[in-house]
Amino acid sequence: MANEEFSKALRYLRLKYKLSQETVAKIAGITQSDYSAFERLKRELNLNDANNISKLVWGVPYNKFVEFSKVEINIENLPLPTQAAINKSTGNKLRSTENLLANELDRLIAEGYLNSPTIAKHLHSQMDKSLSKKSSAEITNLLSKSPRNKIIISLFKNSSPKIFVHKDYAAKYEKMEKDEILELIRTCEVKEK
């Protein structure tokens, strides 16, 4: 079972970076009430769950997490959803529109827009209006490069448009035909309008 030191370190980092329990829970893939119970030691956290939380949210395994929480952290080395959440919570504003494009893309990843298949054009429509002159090709380029290509994959290597999805959700879509997935994307776009 995870120990009290681990729970204190979770709380310390969450508060240090002005993250809500809900935000951290979402990144970790658990409910806010479960996360709260773990952080307050009201519910036991097995080592597997503790390792998942520390890796998904902070990018380090459970057995190194307490020490990790005590050193200066380079935010750029954290998982992308955590970076986006910290930037949002601390009010960091990026001035360059290229950085803003990357930041908006990371926000969409953190908010789960890539948990189901999507295309760059659809992602572009969900971004800050100041990025309206940016092209879908620039989004495709950012998704295809490190660090995003470690968590976001293209379902069909030589397709146009490229269809992207978070690697943790890709398995259920990899067996589908391209036309089925494009129809699914179109259906989602209509629902959002």
C-alpha atoms as a PDB file:
ATOM      1  CA  MET A   1       0.000   0.000   0.000  1.00  0.00           C
ATOM      2  CA  ALA A   2       1.072   3.556  -0.678  1.00  0.00           C
ATOM      3  CA  ASN A   3       2.223   5.398   2.385  1.00  0.00           C
ATOM      4  CA  GLU A   4       1.461   8.662   4.123  1.00  0.00           C
ATOM      5  CA  GLU A   5       4.586  10.306   2.683  1.00  0.00           C
ATOM      6  CA  PHE A   6       3.317   9.576  -0.841  1.00  0.00           C
ATOM      7  CA  SER A   7      -0.074  11.126  -0.068  1.00  0.00           C
ATOM      8  CA  LYS A   8       1.545  14.213   1.408  1.00  0.00           C
ATOM      9  CA  ALA A   9       3.761  14.558  -1.673  1.00  0.00           C
ATOM     10  CA  LEU A  10       0.691  14.309  -3.936  1.00  0.00           C
ATOM     11  CA  ARG A  11      -1.014  17.098  -2.023  1.00  0.00           C
ATOM     12  CA  TYR A  12       2.130  19.227  -1.846  1.00  0.00           C
ATOM     13  CA  LEU A  13       2.722  19.183  -5.621  1.00  0.00           C
ATOM     14  CA  ARG A  14      -0.946  19.680  -6.424  1.00  0.00           C
ATOM     15  CA  LEU A  15      -1.080  22.792  -4.243  1.00  0.00           C
ATOM     16  CA  LYS A  16       2.345  24.047  -5.356  1.00  0.00           C
ATOM     17  CA  TYR A  17       1.176  24.114  -8.956  1.00  0.00           C
ATOM     18  CA  LYS A  18      -2.341  25.360  -8.090  1.00  0.00           C
ATOM     19  CA  LEU A  19      -4.061  22.276  -9.490  1.00  0.00           C
ATOM     20  CA  SER A  20      -7.490  21.186  -8.341  1.00  0.00           C
ATOM     21  CA  GLN A  21      -8.133  17.641  -7.194  1.00  0.00           C
ATOM     22  CA  GLU A  22     -10.513  17.339 -10.139  1.00  0.00           C
ATOM     23  CA  THR A  23      -7.791  18.297 -12.630  1.00  0.00           C
ATOM     24  CA  VAL A  24      -5.237  15.870 -11.190  1.00  0.00           C
ATOM     25  CA  ALA A  25      -7.842  13.097 -11.026  1.00  0.00           C
ATOM     26  CA  LYS A  26      -8.772  13.662 -14.672  1.00  0.00           C
ATOM     27  CA  ILE A  27      -5.136  13.406 -15.774  1.00  0.00           C
ATOM     28  CA  ALA A  28      -4.726  10.269 -13.631  1.00  0.00           C
ATOM     29  CA  GLY A  29      -7.888   8.742 -15.076  1.00  0.00           C
ATOM     30  CA  ILE A  30      -9.746   8.393 -11.773  1.00  0.00           C
ATOM     31  CA  THR A  31     -12.652  10.163 -10.115  1.00  0.00           C
ATOM     32  CA  GLN A  32     -12.133  13.286  -8.046  1.00  0.00           C
ATOM     33  CA  SER A  33     -13.639  11.581  -4.986  1.00  0.00           C
ATOM     34  CA  ASP A  34     -11.190   8.647  -5.289  1.00  0.00           C
ATOM     35  CA  TYR A  35      -8.266  11.016  -5.690  1.00  0.00           C
ATOM     36  CA  SER A  36      -9.384  13.081  -2.703  1.00  0.00           C
ATOM     37  CA  ALA A  37      -9.733   9.970  -0.562  1.00  0.00           C
ATOM     38  CA  PHE A  38      -6.227   8.815  -1.536  1.00  0.00           C
ATOM     39  CA  GLU A  39      -4.695  12.222  -0.876  1.00  0.00           C
ATOM     40  CA  ARG A  40      -6.350  12.465   2.557  1.00  0.00           C
ATOM     41  CA  LEU A  41      -5.547   8.824   3.445  1.00  0.00           C
ATOM     42  CA  LYS A  42      -9.257   8.028   3.737  1.00  0.00           C
ATOM     43  CA  ARG A  43      -8.897   5.169   1.270  1.00  0.00           C
ATOM     44  CA  GLU A  44      -5.973   2.797   0.814  1.00  0.00           C
ATOM     45  CA  LEU A  45      -4.109   3.138  -2.427  1.00  0.00           C
ATOM     46  CA  ASN A  46      -2.487  -0.027  -3.756  1.00  0.00           C
ATOM     47  CA  LEU A  47       0.984   0.207  -5.272  1.00  0.00           C
ATOM     48  CA  ASN A  48      -0.296  -0.249  -8.822  1.00  0.00           C
ATOM     49  CA  ASP A  49      -2.722   2.689  -8.484  1.00  0.00           C
ATOM     50  CA  ALA A  50      -0.066   4.803  -6.773  1.00  0.00           C
ATOM     51  CA  ASN A  51       2.364   4.060  -9.594  1.00  0.00           C
ATOM     52  CA  ASN A  52      -0.270   4.949 -12.213  1.00  0.00           C
ATOM     53  CA  ILE A  53      -1.036   8.291 -10.548  1.00  0.00           C
ATOM     54  CA  SER A  54       2.610   9.249 -10.122  1.00  0.00           C
ATOM     55  CA  LYS A  55       3.498   8.241 -13.704  1.00  0.00           C
ATOM     56  CA  LEU A  56       0.456   9.694 -15.495  1.00  0.00           C
ATOM     57  CA  VAL A  57       0.411  12.983 -13.619  1.00  0.00           C
ATOM     58  CA  TRP A  58       4.066  13.590 -12.747  1.00  0.00           C
ATOM     59  CA  GLY A  59       5.977  11.270 -15.096  1.00  0.00           C
ATOM     60  CA  VAL A  60       7.880   9.342 -12.416  1.00  0.00           C
ATOM     61  CA  PRO A  61       7.321   5.907 -10.857  1.00  0.00           C
ATOM     62  CA  TYR A  62       5.879   5.558  -7.357  1.00  0.00           C
ATOM     63  CA  ASN A  63       9.176   4.456  -5.803  1.00  0.00           C
ATOM     64  CA  LYS A  64      10.826   7.763  -6.847  1.00  0.00           C
ATOM     65  CA  PHE A  65       7.864  10.075  -6.342  1.00  0.00           C
ATOM     66  CA  VAL A  66       8.508  11.306  -2.780  1.00  0.00           C
ATOM     67  CA  GLU A  67      12.097  12.309  -3.612  1.00  0.00           C
ATOM     68  CA  PHE A  68      10.910  13.837  -6.894  1.00  0.00           C
ATOM     69  CA  SER A  69       8.465  16.046  -4.979  1.00  0.00           C
ATOM     70  CA  LYS A  70      11.310  17.527  -2.926  1.00  0.00           C
ATOM     71  CA  VAL A  71      13.440  18.816  -5.807  1.00  0.00           C
ATOM     72  CA  GLU A  72      12.981  21.649  -8.259  1.00  0.00           C
ATOM     73  CA  ILE A  73      10.851  20.395 -11.144  1.00  0.00           C
ATOM     74  CA  ASN A  74      11.288  21.446 -14.752  1.00  0.00           C
ATOM     75  CA  ILE A  75       7.687  21.729 -15.926  1.00  0.00           C
ATOM     76  CA  GLU A  76       8.751  20.984 -19.518  1.00  0.00           C
ATOM     77  CA  ASN A  77       9.744  17.459 -18.415  1.00  0.00           C
ATOM     78  CA  LEU A  78       6.284  16.663 -17.061  1.00  0.00           C
ATOM     79  CA  PRO A  79       3.643  14.795 -19.087  1.00  0.00           C
ATOM     80  CA  LEU A  80       1.899  17.097 -21.582  1.00  0.00           C
ATOM     81  CA  PRO A  81      -1.521  17.048 -19.869  1.00  0.00           C
ATOM     82  CA  THR A  82       0.133  18.113 -16.596  1.00  0.00           C
ATOM     83  CA  GLN A  83       2.086  20.870 -18.342  1.00  0.00           C
ATOM     84  CA  ALA A  84      -1.115  22.194 -19.891  1.00  0.00           C
ATOM     85  CA  ALA A  85      -2.970  22.063 -16.576  1.00  0.00           C
ATOM     86  CA  ILE A  86      -0.159  23.896 -14.759  1.00  0.00           C
ATOM     87  CA  ASN A  87       0.044  26.552 -17.462  1.00  0.00           C
ATOM     88  CA  LYS A  88      -3.712  27.052 -17.241  1.00  0.00           C
ATOM     89  CA  SER A  89      -3.809  27.139 -13.438  1.00  0.00           C
ATOM     90  CA  THR A  90      -0.874  29.490 -12.999  1.00  0.00           C
ATOM     91  CA  GLY A  91      -1.961  31.823 -15.773  1.00  0.00           C
ATOM     92  CA  ASN A  92       1.187  31.391 -17.855  1.00  0.00           C
ATOM     93  CA  LYS A  93       0.565  33.161 -21.132  1.00  0.00           C
ATOM     94  CA  LEU A  94       2.668  32.317 -24.134  1.00  0.00           C
ATOM     95  CA  ARG A  95       3.231  35.249 -26.435  1.00  0.00           C
ATOM     96  CA  SER A  96       4.320  33.624 -29.666  1.00  0.00           C
ATOM     97  CA  THR A  97       1.431  32.227 -31.690  1.00  0.00           C
ATOM     98  CA  GLU A  98       3.553  29.151 -32.446  1.00  0.00           C
ATOM     99  CA  ASN A  99       3.878  28.517 -28.725  1.00  0.00           C
ATOM    100  CA  LEU A 100       0.208  29.356 -28.299  1.00  0.00           C
ATOM    101  CA  LEU A 101      -0.639  26.754 -30.950  1.00  0.00           C
ATOM    102  CA  ALA A 102       1.393  24.123 -29.090  1.00  0.00           C
ATOM    103  CA  ASN A 103      -0.149  25.198 -25.788  1.00  0.00           C
ATOM    104  CA  GLU A 104      -3.680  25.008 -27.198  1.00  0.00           C
ATOM    105  CA  LEU A 105      -2.925  21.577 -28.631  1.00  0.00           C
ATOM    106  CA  ASP A 106      -1.658  20.403 -25.242  1.00  0.00           C
ATOM    107  CA  ARG A 107      -4.818  21.794 -23.630  1.00  0.00           C
ATOM    108  CA  LEU A 108      -6.984  19.790 -26.026  1.00  0.00           C
ATOM    109  CA  ILE A 109      -4.966  16.655 -25.273  1.00  0.00           C
ATOM    110  CA  ALA A 110      -5.385  17.271 -21.534  1.00  0.00           C
ATOM    111  CA  GLU A 111      -9.124  17.843 -21.949  1.00  0.00           C
ATOM    112  CA  GLY A 112      -9.510  14.520 -23.763  1.00  0.00           C
ATOM    113  CA  TYR A 113     -10.217  15.734 -27.311  1.00  0.00           C
ATOM    114  CA  LEU A 114      -7.864  13.047 -28.611  1.00  0.00           C
ATOM    115  CA  ASN A 115      -9.356  10.207 -26.565  1.00  0.00           C
ATOM    116  CA  SER A 116     -11.374   9.439 -29.699  1.00  0.00           C
ATOM    117  CA  PRO A 117     -10.162   9.790 -33.293  1.00  0.00           C
ATOM    118  CA  THR A 118      -9.968  13.285 -34.728  1.00  0.00           C
ATOM    119  CA  ILE A 119      -8.311  15.264 -37.479  1.00  0.00           C
ATOM    120  CA  ALA A 120      -6.259  18.458 -37.329  1.00  0.00           C
ATOM    121  CA  LYS A 121      -9.054  20.539 -38.894  1.00  0.00           C
ATOM    122  CA  HIS A 122     -11.431  19.556 -36.079  1.00  0.00           C
ATOM    123  CA  LEU A 123      -8.810  20.313 -33.410  1.00  0.00           C
ATOM    124  CA  HIS A 124      -8.187  23.687 -35.056  1.00  0.00           C
ATOM    125  CA  SER A 125     -11.881  24.554 -34.725  1.00  0.00           C
ATOM    126  CA  GLN A 126     -11.664  23.972 -30.953  1.00  0.00           C
ATOM    127  CA  MET A 127      -8.710  26.319 -30.431  1.00  0.00           C
ATOM    128  CA  ASP A 128      -8.428  29.932 -29.344  1.00  0.00           C
ATOM    129  CA  LYS A 129      -9.735  32.244 -32.085  1.00  0.00           C
ATOM    130  CA  SER A 130      -6.403  34.098 -32.214  1.00  0.00           C
ATOM    131  CA  LEU A 131      -5.048  31.006 -33.974  1.00  0.00           C
ATOM    132  CA  SER A 132      -7.541  31.145 -36.848  1.00  0.00           C
ATOM    133  CA  LYS A 133      -4.784  31.970 -39.364  1.00  0.00           C
ATOM    134  CA  LYS A 134      -2.759  28.902 -38.394  1.00  0.00           C
ATOM    135  CA  SER A 135      -3.116  25.917 -40.699  1.00  0.00           C
ATOM    136  CA  SER A 136      -4.192  22.366 -40.020  1.00  0.00           C
ATOM    137  CA  ALA A 137      -0.820  21.305 -41.447  1.00  0.00           C
ATOM    138  CA  GLU A 138       0.922  23.053 -38.524  1.00  0.00           C
ATOM    139  CA  ILE A 139      -1.224  21.074 -36.074  1.00  0.00           C
ATOM    140  CA  THR A 140      -0.463  17.833 -37.913  1.00  0.00           C
ATOM    141  CA  ASN A 141       3.228  18.731 -37.758  1.00  0.00           C
ATOM    142  CA  LEU A 142       3.107  19.326 -33.965  1.00  0.00           C
ATOM    143  CA  LEU A 143       1.224  16.059 -33.388  1.00  0.00           C
ATOM    144  CA  SER A 144       3.750  14.143 -35.466  1.00  0.00           C
ATOM    145  CA  LYS A 145       6.795  15.350 -33.525  1.00  0.00           C
ATOM    146  CA  SER A 146       8.189  14.740 -30.061  1.00  0.00           C
ATOM    147  CA  PRO A 147       6.975  14.976 -27.363  1.00  0.00           C
ATOM    148  CA  ARG A 148       3.367  14.647 -28.590  1.00  0.00           C
ATOM    149  CA  ASN A 149       4.044  11.671 -30.867  1.00  0.00           C
ATOM    150  CA  LYS A 150       4.862   9.642 -27.760  1.00  0.00           C
ATOM    151  CA  ILE A 151       1.218   9.784 -26.651  1.00  0.00           C
ATOM    152  CA  ILE A 152      -0.679  10.631 -29.843  1.00  0.00           C
ATOM    153  CA  ILE A 153      -0.635   8.229 -32.781  1.00  0.00           C
ATOM    154  CA  SER A 154      -1.813   8.360 -36.374  1.00  0.00           C
ATOM    155  CA  LEU A 155      -4.264   5.539 -37.113  1.00  0.00           C
ATOM    156  CA  PHE A 156      -3.524   5.254 -40.824  1.00  0.00           C
ATOM    157  CA  LYS A 157       0.066   6.042 -41.721  1.00  0.00           C
ATOM    158  CA  ASN A 158      -0.490   7.304 -45.259  1.00  0.00           C
ATOM    159  CA  SER A 159      -3.974   8.724 -44.964  1.00  0.00           C
ATOM    160  CA  SER A 160      -5.205  12.150 -45.870  1.00  0.00           C
ATOM    161  CA  PRO A 161      -6.391  13.687 -43.689  1.00  0.00           C
ATOM    162  CA  LYS A 162      -4.307  12.141 -40.937  1.00  0.00           C
ATOM    163  CA  ILE A 163      -6.442  10.692 -38.163  1.00  0.00           C
ATOM    164  CA  PHE A 164      -5.012  11.058 -34.664  1.00  0.00           C
ATOM    165  CA  VAL A 165      -5.931   9.435 -31.356  1.00  0.00           C
ATOM    166  CA  HIS A 166      -4.354   9.117 -27.890  1.00  0.00           C
ATOM    167  CA  LYS A 167      -2.394   5.852 -27.754  1.00  0.00           C
ATOM    168  CA  ASP A 168      -4.251   4.752 -24.606  1.00  0.00           C
ATOM    169  CA  TYR A 169      -7.545   4.773 -26.541  1.00  0.00           C
ATOM    170  CA  ALA A 170      -6.301   3.581 -29.940  1.00  0.00           C
ATOM    171  CA  ALA A 171      -6.921  -0.175 -29.611  1.00  0.00           C
ATOM    172  CA  LYS A 172     -10.675   0.022 -30.103  1.00  0.00           C
ATOM    173  CA  TYR A 173     -10.274   2.085 -33.282  1.00  0.00           C
ATOM    174  CA  GLU A 174      -7.360   0.258 -34.922  1.00  0.00           C
ATOM    175  CA  LYS A 175      -9.656  -2.509 -36.223  1.00  0.00           C
ATOM    176  CA  MET A 176     -12.074  -0.061 -37.838  1.00  0.00           C
ATOM    177  CA  GLU A 177     -11.961   0.999 -41.471  1.00  0.00           C
ATOM    178  CA  LYS A 178     -10.861   4.532 -42.304  1.00  0.00           C
ATOM    179  CA  ASP A 179     -14.304   5.463 -43.682  1.00  0.00           C
ATOM    180  CA  GLU A 180     -15.989   4.310 -40.449  1.00  0.00           C
ATOM    181  CA  ILE A 181     -13.673   6.477 -38.377  1.00  0.00           C
ATOM    182  CA  LEU A 182     -14.146   9.513 -40.628  1.00  0.00           C
ATOM    183  CA  GLU A 183     -17.913   9.117 -40.261  1.00  0.00           C
ATOM    184  CA  LEU A 184     -17.494   8.910 -36.475  1.00  0.00           C
ATOM    185  CA  ILE A 185     -15.473  12.146 -36.563  1.00  0.00           C
ATOM    186  CA  ARG A 186     -18.113  13.872 -38.721  1.00  0.00           C
ATOM    187  CA  THR A 187     -20.847  12.767 -36.294  1.00  0.00           C
ATOM    188  CA  CYS A 188     -18.896  14.224 -33.358  1.00  0.00           C
ATOM    189  CA  GLU A 189     -18.385  17.516 -35.215  1.00  0.00           C
ATOM    190  CA  VAL A 190     -22.134  17.844 -35.876  1.00  0.00           C
ATOM    191  CA  LYS A 191     -22.958  17.165 -32.211  1.00  0.00           C
ATOM    192  CA  GLU A 192     -20.567  19.907 -31.078  1.00  0.00           C
ATOM    193  CA  LYS A 193     -22.125  22.578 -33.318  1.00  0.00           C
END
